[in-house]
PDB file of N, CA and C in Angstrom:
ATOM      1  N   MET A   1      -6.559  30.618  16.219  1.00  0.00           N
ATOM      2  CA  MET A   1      -6.062  31.207  14.902  1.00  0.00           C
ATOM      3  C   MET A   1      -5.141  30.161  14.203  1.00  0.00           C
ATOM      4  N   ALA A   2      -5.668  29.700  13.110  1.00  0.00           N
ATOM      5  CA  ALA A   2      -4.838  28.705  12.234  1.00  0.00           C
ATOM      6  C   ALA A   2      -3.885  29.321  11.341  1.00  0.00           C
ATOM      7  N   ALA A   3      -2.723  28.750  11.434  1.00  0.00           N
ATOM      8  CA  ALA A   3      -1.632  29.384  10.513  1.00  0.00           C
ATOM      9  C   ALA A   3      -1.657  28.714   9.147  1.00  0.00           C
ATOM     10  N   ALA A   4      -1.413  29.570   8.032  1.00  0.00           N
ATOM     11  CA  ALA A   4      -1.437  29.032   6.700  1.00  0.00           C
ATOM     12  C   ALA A   4      -0.365  28.213   6.445  1.00  0.00           C
ATOM     13  N   ASP A   5       0.854  28.354   6.931  1.00  0.00           N
ATOM     14  CA  ASP A   5       2.001  27.588   6.785  1.00  0.00           C
ATOM     15  C   ASP A   5       2.991  27.834   7.971  1.00  0.00           C
ATOM     16  N   VAL A   6       4.067  27.105   7.843  1.00  0.00           N
ATOM     17  CA  VAL A   6       5.048  27.206   8.991  1.00  0.00           C
ATOM     18  C   VAL A   6       5.682  28.550   9.146  1.00  0.00           C
ATOM     19  N   TYR A   7       5.800  29.333   8.039  1.00  0.00           N
ATOM     20  CA  TYR A   7       6.395  30.679   8.122  1.00  0.00           C
ATOM     21  C   TYR A   7       5.700  31.516   9.160  1.00  0.00           C
ATOM     22  N   ALA A   8       4.387  31.394   9.070  1.00  0.00           N
ATOM     23  CA  ALA A   8       3.551  32.218  10.012  1.00  0.00           C
ATOM     24  C   ALA A   8       3.763  31.804  11.479  1.00  0.00           C
ATOM     25  N   LEU A   9       4.244  30.575  11.680  1.00  0.00           N
ATOM     26  CA  LEU A   9       4.377  30.080  13.035  1.00  0.00           C
ATOM     27  C   LEU A   9       5.785  30.480  13.626  1.00  0.00           C
ATOM     28  N   VAL A  10       6.804  30.654  12.780  1.00  0.00           N
ATOM     29  CA  VAL A  10       8.170  30.755  13.297  1.00  0.00           C
ATOM     30  C   VAL A  10       8.706  32.127  13.141  1.00  0.00           C
ATOM     31  N   VAL A  11       8.068  33.018  12.307  1.00  0.00           N
ATOM     32  CA  VAL A  11       8.570  34.327  12.068  1.00  0.00           C
ATOM     33  C   VAL A  11       7.816  35.303  12.893  1.00  0.00           C
ATOM     34  N   PRO A  12       8.550  36.254  13.678  1.00  0.00           N
ATOM     35  CA  PRO A  12       7.866  37.208  14.556  1.00  0.00           C
ATOM     36  C   PRO A  12       7.173  38.245  13.721  1.00  0.00           C
ATOM     37  N   SER A  13       6.207  38.960  14.368  1.00  0.00           N
ATOM     38  CA  SER A  13       5.505  40.003  13.739  1.00  0.00           C
ATOM     39  C   SER A  13       6.572  41.117  13.513  1.00  0.00           C
ATOM     40  N   VAL A  14       6.134  42.107  12.684  1.00  0.00           N
ATOM     41  CA  VAL A  14       7.015  43.256  12.436  1.00  0.00           C
ATOM     42  C   VAL A  14       7.334  43.984  13.790  1.00  0.00           C
ATOM     43  N   ALA A  15       6.353  44.209  14.553  1.00  0.00           N
ATOM     44  CA  ALA A  15       6.539  44.904  15.802  1.00  0.00           C
ATOM     45  C   ALA A  15       7.596  44.103  16.736  1.00  0.00           C
ATOM     46  N   ARG A  16       7.360  42.858  16.833  1.00  0.00           N
ATOM     47  CA  ARG A  16       8.187  41.954  17.732  1.00  0.00           C
ATOM     48  C   ARG A  16       9.583  41.871  17.173  1.00  0.00           C
ATOM     49  N   ALA A  17       9.807  41.815  15.856  1.00  0.00           N
ATOM     50  CA  ALA A  17      11.118  41.832  15.232  1.00  0.00           C
ATOM     51  C   ALA A  17      11.969  43.105  15.505  1.00  0.00           C
ATOM     52  N   LEU A  18      11.158  44.198  15.441  1.00  0.00           N
ATOM     53  CA  LEU A  18      11.793  45.514  15.683  1.00  0.00           C
ATOM     54  C   LEU A  18      12.204  45.656  17.142  1.00  0.00           C
ATOM     55  N   THR A  19      11.384  45.091  18.138  1.00  0.00           N
ATOM     56  CA  THR A  19      11.646  45.071  19.460  1.00  0.00           C
ATOM     57  C   THR A  19      12.888  44.254  19.732  1.00  0.00           C
ATOM     58  N   LEU A  20      12.958  43.048  19.107  1.00  0.00           N
ATOM     59  CA  LEU A  20      14.153  42.133  19.355  1.00  0.00           C
ATOM     60  C   LEU A  20      15.365  42.783  18.742  1.00  0.00           C
ATOM     61  N   ASN A  21      15.244  43.484  17.650  1.00  0.00           N
ATOM     62  CA  ASN A  21      16.351  44.173  16.973  1.00  0.00           C
ATOM     63  C   ASN A  21      16.964  45.249  17.941  1.00  0.00           C
ATOM     64  N   LYS A  22      16.009  46.005  18.509  1.00  0.00           N
ATOM     65  CA  LYS A  22      16.417  47.041  19.508  1.00  0.00           C
ATOM     66  C   LYS A  22      17.069  46.543  20.688  1.00  0.00           C
ATOM     67  N   ALA A  23      16.580  45.396  21.216  1.00  0.00           N
ATOM     68  CA  ALA A  23      17.224  44.813  22.415  1.00  0.00           C
ATOM     69  C   ALA A  23      18.571  44.219  22.038  1.00  0.00           C
ATOM     70  N   TYR A  24      18.794  43.628  20.861  1.00  0.00           N
ATOM     71  CA  TYR A  24      20.067  42.994  20.511  1.00  0.00           C
ATOM     72  C   TYR A  24      21.072  44.158  20.262  1.00  0.00           C
ATOM     73  N   ARG A  25      20.631  45.186  19.703  1.00  0.00           N
ATOM     74  CA  ARG A  25      21.565  46.351  19.426  1.00  0.00           C
ATOM     75  C   ARG A  25      22.038  46.905  20.700  1.00  0.00           C
ATOM     76  N   ALA A  26      21.212  46.999  21.672  1.00  0.00           N
ATOM     77  CA  ALA A  26      21.740  47.503  23.004  1.00  0.00           C
ATOM     78  C   ALA A  26      22.773  46.488  23.606  1.00  0.00           C
ATOM     79  N   ILE A  27      22.547  45.121  23.445  1.00  0.00           N
ATOM     80  CA  ILE A  27      23.629  44.322  23.938  1.00  0.00           C
ATOM     81  C   ILE A  27      24.874  44.411  23.178  1.00  0.00           C
ATOM     82  N   VAL A  28      24.832  44.494  21.873  1.00  0.00           N
ATOM     83  CA  VAL A  28      26.081  44.753  21.127  1.00  0.00           C
ATOM     84  C   VAL A  28      26.817  46.016  21.342  1.00  0.00           C
ATOM     85  N   GLN A  29      25.953  47.131  21.562  1.00  0.00           N
ATOM     86  CA  GLN A  29      26.632  48.365  21.904  1.00  0.00           C
ATOM     87  C   GLN A  29      27.510  48.328  23.177  1.00  0.00           C
ATOM     88  N   GLU A  30      26.912  47.713  24.213  1.00  0.00           N
ATOM     89  CA  GLU A  30      27.514  47.564  25.458  1.00  0.00           C
ATOM     90  C   GLU A  30      28.651  46.592  25.459  1.00  0.00           C
ATOM     91  N   GLN A  31      28.607  45.640  24.511  1.00  0.00           N
ATOM     92  CA  GLN A  31      29.545  44.392  24.632  1.00  0.00           C
ATOM     93  C   GLN A  31      29.431  43.763  25.925  1.00  0.00           C
ATOM     94  N   ASP A  32      28.225  43.688  26.313  1.00  0.00           N
ATOM     95  CA  ASP A  32      28.038  43.008  27.810  1.00  0.00           C
ATOM     96  C   ASP A  32      27.186  41.724  27.611  1.00  0.00           C
ATOM     97  N   TYR A  33      27.804  40.602  27.657  1.00  0.00           N
ATOM     98  CA  TYR A  33      27.178  39.340  27.422  1.00  0.00           C
ATOM     99  C   TYR A  33      26.952  38.557  28.616  1.00  0.00           C
ATOM    100  N   ILE A  34      26.854  39.148  29.795  1.00  0.00           N
ATOM    101  CA  ILE A  34      26.757  38.454  31.115  1.00  0.00           C
ATOM    102  C   ILE A  34      25.471  37.735  31.204  1.00  0.00           C
ATOM    103  N   PHE A  35      24.473  38.074  30.501  1.00  0.00           N
ATOM    104  CA  PHE A  35      23.126  37.440  30.504  1.00  0.00           C
ATOM    105  C   PHE A  35      22.978  36.699  29.163  1.00  0.00           C
ATOM    106  N   GLY A  36      23.999  36.528  28.397  1.00  0.00           N
ATOM    107  CA  GLY A  36      23.970  35.802  27.132  1.00  0.00           C
ATOM    108  C   GLY A  36      23.737  36.722  25.955  1.00  0.00           C
ATOM    109  N   ARG A  37      23.720  36.138  24.798  1.00  0.00           N
ATOM    110  CA  ARG A  37      23.582  36.959  23.562  1.00  0.00           C
ATOM    111  C   ARG A  37      22.205  37.079  22.964  1.00  0.00           C
ATOM    112  N   ASP A  38      21.302  36.270  23.572  1.00  0.00           N
ATOM    113  CA  ASP A  38      19.962  36.337  23.195  1.00  0.00           C
ATOM    114  C   ASP A  38      19.209  37.658  23.633  1.00  0.00           C
ATOM    115  N   ALA A  39      18.590  38.269  22.712  1.00  0.00           N
ATOM    116  CA  ALA A  39      17.851  39.481  22.879  1.00  0.00           C
ATOM    117  C   ALA A  39      16.557  39.215  23.667  1.00  0.00           C
ATOM    118  N   MET A  40      16.388  39.744  24.844  1.00  0.00           N
ATOM    119  CA  MET A  40      15.221  39.458  25.546  1.00  0.00           C
ATOM    120  C   MET A  40      14.515  40.823  26.030  1.00  0.00           C
ATOM    121  N   PRO A  41      13.595  41.311  25.257  1.00  0.00           N
ATOM    122  CA  PRO A  41      13.059  42.643  25.597  1.00  0.00           C
ATOM    123  C   PRO A  41      12.298  42.562  27.067  1.00  0.00           C
ATOM    124  N   GLU A  42      11.832  41.455  27.349  1.00  0.00           N
ATOM    125  CA  GLU A  42      11.198  41.337  28.743  1.00  0.00           C
ATOM    126  C   GLU A  42      11.778  40.115  29.454  1.00  0.00           C
ATOM    127  N   PRO A  43      11.867  40.092  30.772  1.00  0.00           N
ATOM    128  CA  PRO A  43      12.441  38.958  31.520  1.00  0.00           C
ATOM    129  C   PRO A  43      11.679  37.646  31.216  1.00  0.00           C
ATOM    130  N   PRO A  44      12.301  36.523  31.069  1.00  0.00           N
ATOM    131  CA  PRO A  44      11.684  35.300  30.820  1.00  0.00           C
ATOM    132  C   PRO A  44      10.868  34.834  32.044  1.00  0.00           C
ATOM    133  N   ASP A  45       9.834  34.104  31.770  1.00  0.00           N
ATOM    134  CA  ASP A  45       8.929  33.567  32.895  1.00  0.00           C
ATOM    135  C   ASP A  45       9.505  32.318  33.583  1.00  0.00           C
ATOM    136  N   ASN A  46      10.292  31.649  32.933  1.00  0.00           N
ATOM    137  CA  ASN A  46      10.634  30.275  33.461  1.00  0.00           C
ATOM    138  C   ASN A  46      12.165  30.211  33.970  1.00  0.00           C
ATOM    139  N   VAL A  47      12.670  31.442  34.330  1.00  0.00           N
ATOM    140  CA  VAL A  47      14.081  31.357  34.742  1.00  0.00           C
ATOM    141  C   VAL A  47      14.082  32.072  36.161  1.00  0.00           C
ATOM    142  N   TYR A  48      14.846  31.510  37.022  1.00  0.00           N
ATOM    143  CA  TYR A  48      14.945  32.100  38.380  1.00  0.00           C
ATOM    144  C   TYR A  48      15.761  33.387  38.380  1.00  0.00           C
ATOM    145  N   THR A  49      15.281  34.400  39.083  1.00  0.00           N
ATOM    146  CA  THR A  49      15.974  35.670  39.171  1.00  0.00           C
ATOM    147  C   THR A  49      17.111  35.594  40.245  1.00  0.00           C
ATOM    148  N   HIS A  50      17.009  34.627  41.268  1.00  0.00           N
ATOM    149  CA  HIS A  50      18.052  34.476  42.276  1.00  0.00           C
ATOM    150  C   HIS A  50      17.926  33.099  42.841  1.00  0.00           C
ATOM    151  N   ILE A  51      19.124  32.540  43.088  1.00  0.00           N
ATOM    152  CA  ILE A  51      19.245  31.178  43.673  1.00  0.00           C
ATOM    153  C   ILE A  51      19.972  31.266  44.933  1.00  0.00           C
ATOM    154  N   ASP A  52      19.353  30.742  46.025  1.00  0.00           N
ATOM    155  CA  ASP A  52      20.071  30.802  47.391  1.00  0.00           C
ATOM    156  C   ASP A  52      20.785  29.430  47.440  1.00  0.00           C
ATOM    157  N   ASN A  53      22.049  29.359  47.432  1.00  0.00           N
ATOM    158  CA  ASN A  53      22.856  28.176  47.605  1.00  0.00           C
ATOM    159  C   ASN A  53      22.548  27.418  48.899  1.00  0.00           C
ATOM    160  N   ALA A  54      22.176  27.976  49.917  1.00  0.00           N
ATOM    161  CA  ALA A  54      21.891  27.381  51.214  1.00  0.00           C
ATOM    162  C   ALA A  54      20.620  26.457  51.106  1.00  0.00           C
ATOM    163  N   THR A  55      19.645  26.992  50.365  1.00  0.00           N
ATOM    164  CA  THR A  55      18.370  26.194  50.301  1.00  0.00           C
ATOM    165  C   THR A  55      18.121  25.473  48.976  1.00  0.00           C
ATOM    166  N   ALA A  56      18.888  25.801  48.037  1.00  0.00           N
ATOM    167  CA  ALA A  56      18.621  25.084  46.690  1.00  0.00           C
ATOM    168  C   ALA A  56      18.845  23.620  46.722  1.00  0.00           C
ATOM    169  N   PRO A  57      17.978  22.847  46.117  1.00  0.00           N
ATOM    170  CA  PRO A  57      18.189  21.306  46.111  1.00  0.00           C
ATOM    171  C   PRO A  57      19.397  21.071  45.209  1.00  0.00           C
ATOM    172  N   THR A  58      20.125  20.080  45.626  1.00  0.00           N
ATOM    173  CA  THR A  58      21.334  19.719  44.878  1.00  0.00           C
ATOM    174  C   THR A  58      21.089  18.208  44.420  1.00  0.00           C
ATOM    175  N   LEU A  59      22.181  17.766  43.649  1.00  0.00           N
ATOM    176  CA  LEU A  59      22.115  16.475  43.118  1.00  0.00           C
ATOM    177  C   LEU A  59      22.227  15.339  44.161  1.00  0.00           C
ATOM    178  N   PRO A  60      21.691  14.153  44.015  1.00  0.00           N
ATOM    179  CA  PRO A  60      21.989  13.172  45.028  1.00  0.00           C
ATOM    180  C   PRO A  60      23.506  12.841  45.077  1.00  0.00           C
ATOM    181  N   GLU A  61      23.911  12.265  46.264  1.00  0.00           N
ATOM    182  CA  GLU A  61      25.368  12.051  46.447  1.00  0.00           C
ATOM    183  C   GLU A  61      25.935  11.150  45.309  1.00  0.00           C
ATOM    184  N   GLU A  62      25.264  10.252  44.868  1.00  0.00           N
ATOM    185  CA  GLU A  62      25.916   9.355  43.785  1.00  0.00           C
ATOM    186  C   GLU A  62      26.143   9.993  42.508  1.00  0.00           C
ATOM    187  N   PHE A  63      25.597  11.278  42.255  1.00  0.00           N
ATOM    188  CA  PHE A  63      25.908  12.017  41.105  1.00  0.00           C
ATOM    189  C   PHE A  63      26.838  13.217  41.295  1.00  0.00           C
ATOM    190  N   VAL A  64      27.498  13.234  42.476  1.00  0.00           N
ATOM    191  CA  VAL A  64      28.462  14.367  42.806  1.00  0.00           C
ATOM    192  C   VAL A  64      29.836  13.770  42.627  1.00  0.00           C
ATOM    193  N   TYR A  65      30.586  14.309  41.855  1.00  0.00           N
ATOM    194  CA  TYR A  65      31.976  13.893  41.572  1.00  0.00           C
ATOM    195  C   TYR A  65      33.053  14.886  42.117  1.00  0.00           C
ATOM    196  N   ASP A  66      34.034  14.413  42.731  1.00  0.00           N
ATOM    197  CA  ASP A  66      35.071  15.310  43.218  1.00  0.00           C
ATOM    198  C   ASP A  66      36.410  15.139  42.371  1.00  0.00           C
ATOM    199  N   TRP A  67      36.442  15.921  41.169  1.00  0.00           N
ATOM    200  CA  TRP A  67      37.479  15.769  40.398  1.00  0.00           C
ATOM    201  C   TRP A  67      37.671  17.124  39.672  1.00  0.00           C
ATOM    202  N   ASP A  68      38.954  17.310  39.276  1.00  0.00           N
ATOM    203  CA  ASP A  68      39.238  18.656  38.600  1.00  0.00           C
ATOM    204  C   ASP A  68      39.858  18.361  37.237  1.00  0.00           C
ATOM    205  N   SER A  69      39.322  18.808  36.175  1.00  0.00           N
ATOM    206  CA  SER A  69      39.765  18.627  34.817  1.00  0.00           C
ATOM    207  C   SER A  69      40.834  19.538  34.364  1.00  0.00           C
ATOM    208  N   ARG A  70      41.116  20.526  35.208  1.00  0.00           N
ATOM    209  CA  ARG A  70      42.117  21.582  34.712  1.00  0.00           C
ATOM    210  C   ARG A  70      43.599  21.016  34.746  1.00  0.00           C
ATOM    211  N   LEU A  71      44.400  21.458  33.863  1.00  0.00           N
ATOM    212  CA  LEU A  71      45.752  21.029  33.665  1.00  0.00           C
ATOM    213  C   LEU A  71      46.595  21.709  34.822  1.00  0.00           C
ATOM    214  N   ASP A  72      47.588  20.955  35.280  1.00  0.00           N
ATOM    215  CA  ASP A  72      48.439  21.430  36.271  1.00  0.00           C
ATOM    216  C   ASP A  72      49.804  21.967  35.673  1.00  0.00           C
ATOM    217  N   TRP A  73      49.923  23.145  35.398  1.00  0.00           N
ATOM    218  CA  TRP A  73      51.048  23.799  34.779  1.00  0.00           C
ATOM    219  C   TRP A  73      52.132  24.177  35.727  1.00  0.00           C
ATOM    220  N   SER A  74      52.044  23.809  36.960  1.00  0.00           N
ATOM    221  CA  SER A  74      53.053  24.212  37.974  1.00  0.00           C
ATOM    222  C   SER A  74      54.309  23.278  37.852  1.00  0.00           C
ATOM    223  N   ARG A  75      54.094  22.168  37.401  1.00  0.00           N
ATOM    224  CA  ARG A  75      55.321  21.183  37.387  1.00  0.00           C
ATOM    225  C   ARG A  75      55.832  21.192  35.969  1.00  0.00           C
ATOM    226  N   PRO A  76      57.168  21.180  35.866  1.00  0.00           N
ATOM    227  CA  PRO A  76      57.934  21.067  34.478  1.00  0.00           C
ATOM    228  C   PRO A  76      57.524  19.878  33.845  1.00  0.00           C
ATOM    229  N   SER A  77      57.499  19.892  32.589  1.00  0.00           N
ATOM    230  CA  SER A  77      57.208  18.700  31.700  1.00  0.00           C
ATOM    231  C   SER A  77      58.401  17.743  31.843  1.00  0.00           C
ATOM    232  N   GLN A  78      58.020  16.380  31.828  1.00  0.00           N
ATOM    233  CA  GLN A  78      59.009  15.349  31.894  1.00  0.00           C
ATOM    234  C   GLN A  78      59.403  14.945  30.390  1.00  0.00           C
ATOM    235  N   ARG A  79      58.638  15.274  29.458  1.00  0.00           N
ATOM    236  CA  ARG A  79      58.934  15.028  28.091  1.00  0.00           C
ATOM    237  C   ARG A  79      59.975  15.849  27.465  1.00  0.00           C
ATOM    238  N   ARG A  80      60.871  15.362  26.720  1.00  0.00           N
ATOM    239  CA  ARG A  80      61.801  16.201  25.969  1.00  0.00           C
ATOM    240  C   ARG A  80      61.970  15.721  24.646  1.00  0.00           C
TER     241      ARG A  80
END
């Protein structure tokens, strides 16, 4: 099926738009953004449902850094 213009490629059908609106309304009503703010009426195909930390591949050792960027608020400031 050839599209006449870009609009036909990027805009969802009326049925799909209504389904997305319904899914987003449910997210907003619950104020539950644990899975993000994108309305997904069905689970995505290319996302893991569970990751086992014991068997998941990790980065090579040369790309693992042991540092912490959080500020240490426990000590009083030396500036006055």
